[in-house]
Amino acid sequence: MRVRITEASRRLGISARMLRYREALGLLPAVRAPRLPPSRHRRFGQPDLDAVSLGLAIERRYDISPAALAFALRVLADPAARAEVAEFGQRIGRIRPLPAMAMDFEKERALRLLASPPGAPAGPGARQPGAGQPGTVPAATSSAGRRAPTAR
């Protein structure tokens, strides 16, 4: 059963004005069916009420405003915003950068791949000579690039 905004606000324990504000911020699921005349009132189904309730619970749990929650959603959905916020967090010391060792490993791996000629093995875990040719069985390797133990 779908309810009008007054009943939805009563069930959620907030004002209809606050529901409209949350909609303006993008914190409500789409509640208007497409192609309805503007005079039609929006209706809320149980999934809509559950989504709004979850948003309210997050705001209470983390003591944030609806605007802060809307911005958090934007950061999660927009890669450019996410990158800029992450850089800001690193500059002020709230977010630590990835450990240098992990970055060095990835850099070395990329350099190895770039340095190897096409078709040549690029290092640990690379295709073994003869792999993929008829009558040969490729050597099993672990995710770390070492030979995996074989069952005997």
Protein backbone atom coordinates (compact mmCIF):
# COMPACT_ATOMS: atom_id res chain seq x y z
CA MET A 1 0.00 0.00 0.00
CA ARG A 2 1.32 3.42 -0.94
CA VAL A 3 0.70 6.42 1.35
CA ARG A 4 0.72 10.18 0.89
CA ILE A 5 3.42 12.39 2.34
CA THR A 6 1.45 13.28 5.50
CA GLU A 7 1.05 9.61 6.42
CA ALA A 8 4.66 8.84 5.46
CA SER A 9 5.95 11.68 7.65
CA ARG A 10 3.78 10.49 10.56
CA ARG A 11 5.13 6.94 10.23
CA LEU A 12 8.73 8.19 10.04
CA GLY A 13 8.35 10.64 12.91
CA ILE A 14 9.46 13.67 10.88
CA SER A 15 7.59 16.56 9.26
CA ALA A 16 6.36 16.59 5.69
CA ARG A 17 8.57 19.65 5.19
CA MET A 18 11.63 17.60 6.26
CA LEU A 19 10.66 14.87 3.77
CA ARG A 20 10.49 17.47 1.00
CA TYR A 21 13.89 18.87 2.08
CA ARG A 22 15.37 15.37 2.01
CA GLU A 23 13.92 14.88 -1.49
CA ALA A 24 15.54 18.15 -2.66
CA LEU A 25 18.89 16.82 -1.36
CA GLY A 26 18.44 13.55 -3.28
CA LEU A 27 17.94 11.43 -0.17
CA LEU A 28 14.62 9.93 -1.22
CA PRO A 29 14.06 7.23 -3.78
CA ALA A 30 11.96 8.28 -6.76
CA VAL A 31 8.42 8.30 -5.46
CA ARG A 32 6.51 9.85 -8.34
CA ALA A 33 5.48 7.62 -11.17
CA PRO A 34 6.59 9.00 -14.54
CA ARG A 35 4.08 10.84 -16.72
CA LEU A 36 1.70 11.70 -13.88
CA PRO A 37 0.13 15.14 -14.00
CA PRO A 38 1.74 17.59 -11.54
CA SER A 39 -1.50 17.67 -9.51
CA ARG A 40 -1.01 14.05 -8.43
CA HIS A 41 0.35 13.60 -4.94
CA ARG A 42 3.45 11.55 -4.44
CA ARG A 43 3.00 8.19 -2.81
CA PHE A 44 5.38 6.29 -0.59
CA GLY A 45 5.56 2.50 -0.59
CA GLN A 46 7.14 0.42 2.16
CA PRO A 47 10.52 0.21 0.33
CA ASP A 48 10.54 4.04 0.13
CA LEU A 49 9.80 4.36 3.85
CA ASP A 50 12.50 1.79 4.64
CA ALA A 51 15.08 3.71 2.61
CA VAL A 52 14.23 7.01 4.32
CA SER A 53 14.32 5.27 7.70
CA LEU A 54 17.81 3.91 6.94
CA GLY A 55 19.00 7.41 6.04
CA LEU A 56 17.60 8.78 9.28
CA ALA A 57 19.30 6.02 11.27
CA ILE A 58 22.67 6.76 9.61
CA GLU A 59 22.29 10.46 10.42
CA ARG A 60 21.54 9.68 14.07
CA ARG A 61 24.27 7.04 14.42
CA TYR A 62 27.01 9.28 13.02
CA ASP A 63 25.53 12.59 14.22
CA ILE A 64 25.43 14.13 10.74
CA SER A 65 22.98 16.38 8.93
CA PRO A 66 20.93 15.37 5.89
CA ALA A 67 23.19 17.66 3.81
CA ALA A 68 26.28 15.81 5.04
CA LEU A 69 24.70 12.46 4.12
CA ALA A 70 23.81 13.81 0.67
CA PHE A 71 27.42 14.91 0.17
CA ALA A 72 28.70 11.51 1.31
CA LEU A 73 26.52 9.88 -1.35
CA ARG A 74 27.92 12.26 -3.95
CA VAL A 75 31.48 11.38 -2.95
CA LEU A 76 30.70 7.67 -3.27
CA ALA A 77 29.05 8.11 -6.67
CA ASP A 78 31.44 10.65 -8.25
CA PRO A 79 35.03 9.38 -8.80
CA ALA A 80 36.41 12.93 -9.20
CA ALA A 81 34.85 14.08 -5.92
CA ARG A 82 36.09 10.91 -4.22
CA ALA A 83 39.66 11.52 -5.41
CA GLU A 84 39.66 15.16 -4.30
CA VAL A 85 38.23 14.36 -0.87
CA ALA A 86 40.79 11.55 -0.45
CA GLU A 87 43.63 13.92 -1.38
CA PHE A 88 42.34 16.50 1.09
CA GLY A 89 42.10 13.83 3.80
CA GLN A 90 45.70 12.79 3.15
CA ARG A 91 46.95 16.39 3.24
CA ILE A 92 45.38 17.05 6.61
CA GLY A 93 46.44 13.67 8.02
CA ARG A 94 42.98 12.13 8.42
CA ILE A 95 43.58 9.51 5.70
CA ARG A 96 46.87 7.68 5.48
CA PRO A 97 48.29 6.97 2.01
CA LEU A 98 48.80 3.37 0.93
CA PRO A 99 51.92 1.80 2.42
CA ALA A 100 55.02 2.55 0.38
CA MET A 101 55.90 -1.15 0.07
CA ALA A 102 52.65 -1.95 -1.72
CA MET A 103 53.18 0.96 -4.09
CA ASP A 104 56.79 -0.11 -4.76
CA PHE A 105 55.67 -3.67 -5.53
CA GLU A 106 53.09 -2.44 -8.04
CA LYS A 107 55.61 -0.05 -9.61
CA GLU A 108 58.21 -2.83 -10.02
CA ARG A 109 55.58 -5.14 -11.49
CA ALA A 110 54.47 -2.53 -14.01
CA LEU A 111 58.07 -1.78 -15.01
CA ARG A 112 58.73 -5.52 -15.50
CA LEU A 113 55.69 -5.83 -17.75
CA LEU A 114 56.65 -2.77 -19.76
CA ALA A 115 60.27 -3.89 -20.15
CA SER A 116 59.52 -7.38 -21.44
CA PRO A 117 59.20 -7.79 -25.22
CA PRO A 118 55.81 -8.95 -26.51
CA GLY A 119 55.38 -12.68 -26.14
CA ALA A 120 58.26 -13.06 -23.64
CA PRO A 121 57.70 -14.19 -20.04
CA ALA A 122 57.37 -11.11 -17.82
CA GLY A 123 58.54 -12.63 -14.57
CA PRO A 124 57.05 -14.82 -11.87
CA GLY A 125 53.70 -16.25 -12.87
CA ALA A 126 54.32 -15.62 -16.56
CA ARG A 127 53.48 -18.26 -19.13
CA GLN A 128 56.10 -20.96 -19.27
CA PRO A 129 57.83 -21.81 -22.56
CA GLY A 130 55.64 -24.21 -24.50
CA ALA A 131 52.52 -23.24 -22.57
CA GLY A 132 49.44 -23.22 -24.72
CA GLN A 133 51.00 -25.47 -27.39
CA PRO A 134 49.36 -28.77 -28.21
CA GLY A 135 50.58 -31.61 -26.03
CA THR A 136 51.91 -29.38 -23.21
CA VAL A 137 50.49 -28.70 -19.78
CA PRO A 138 51.18 -25.28 -18.25
CA ALA A 139 52.91 -25.28 -14.86
CA ALA A 140 50.58 -24.48 -11.97
CA THR A 141 51.47 -21.32 -10.09
CA SER A 142 50.07 -19.73 -6.97
CA SER A 143 48.73 -16.17 -6.87
CA ALA A 144 52.15 -15.08 -5.55
CA GLY A 145 53.80 -16.38 -8.71
CA ARG A 146 55.51 -19.40 -7.10
CA ARG A 147 55.04 -22.94 -8.25
CA ALA A 148 52.06 -24.46 -6.51
CA PRO A 149 52.55 -27.86 -4.89
CA THR A 150 51.27 -30.68 -7.07
CA ALA A 151 49.39 -33.74 -5.88
CA ARG A 152 51.28 -36.99 -6.34
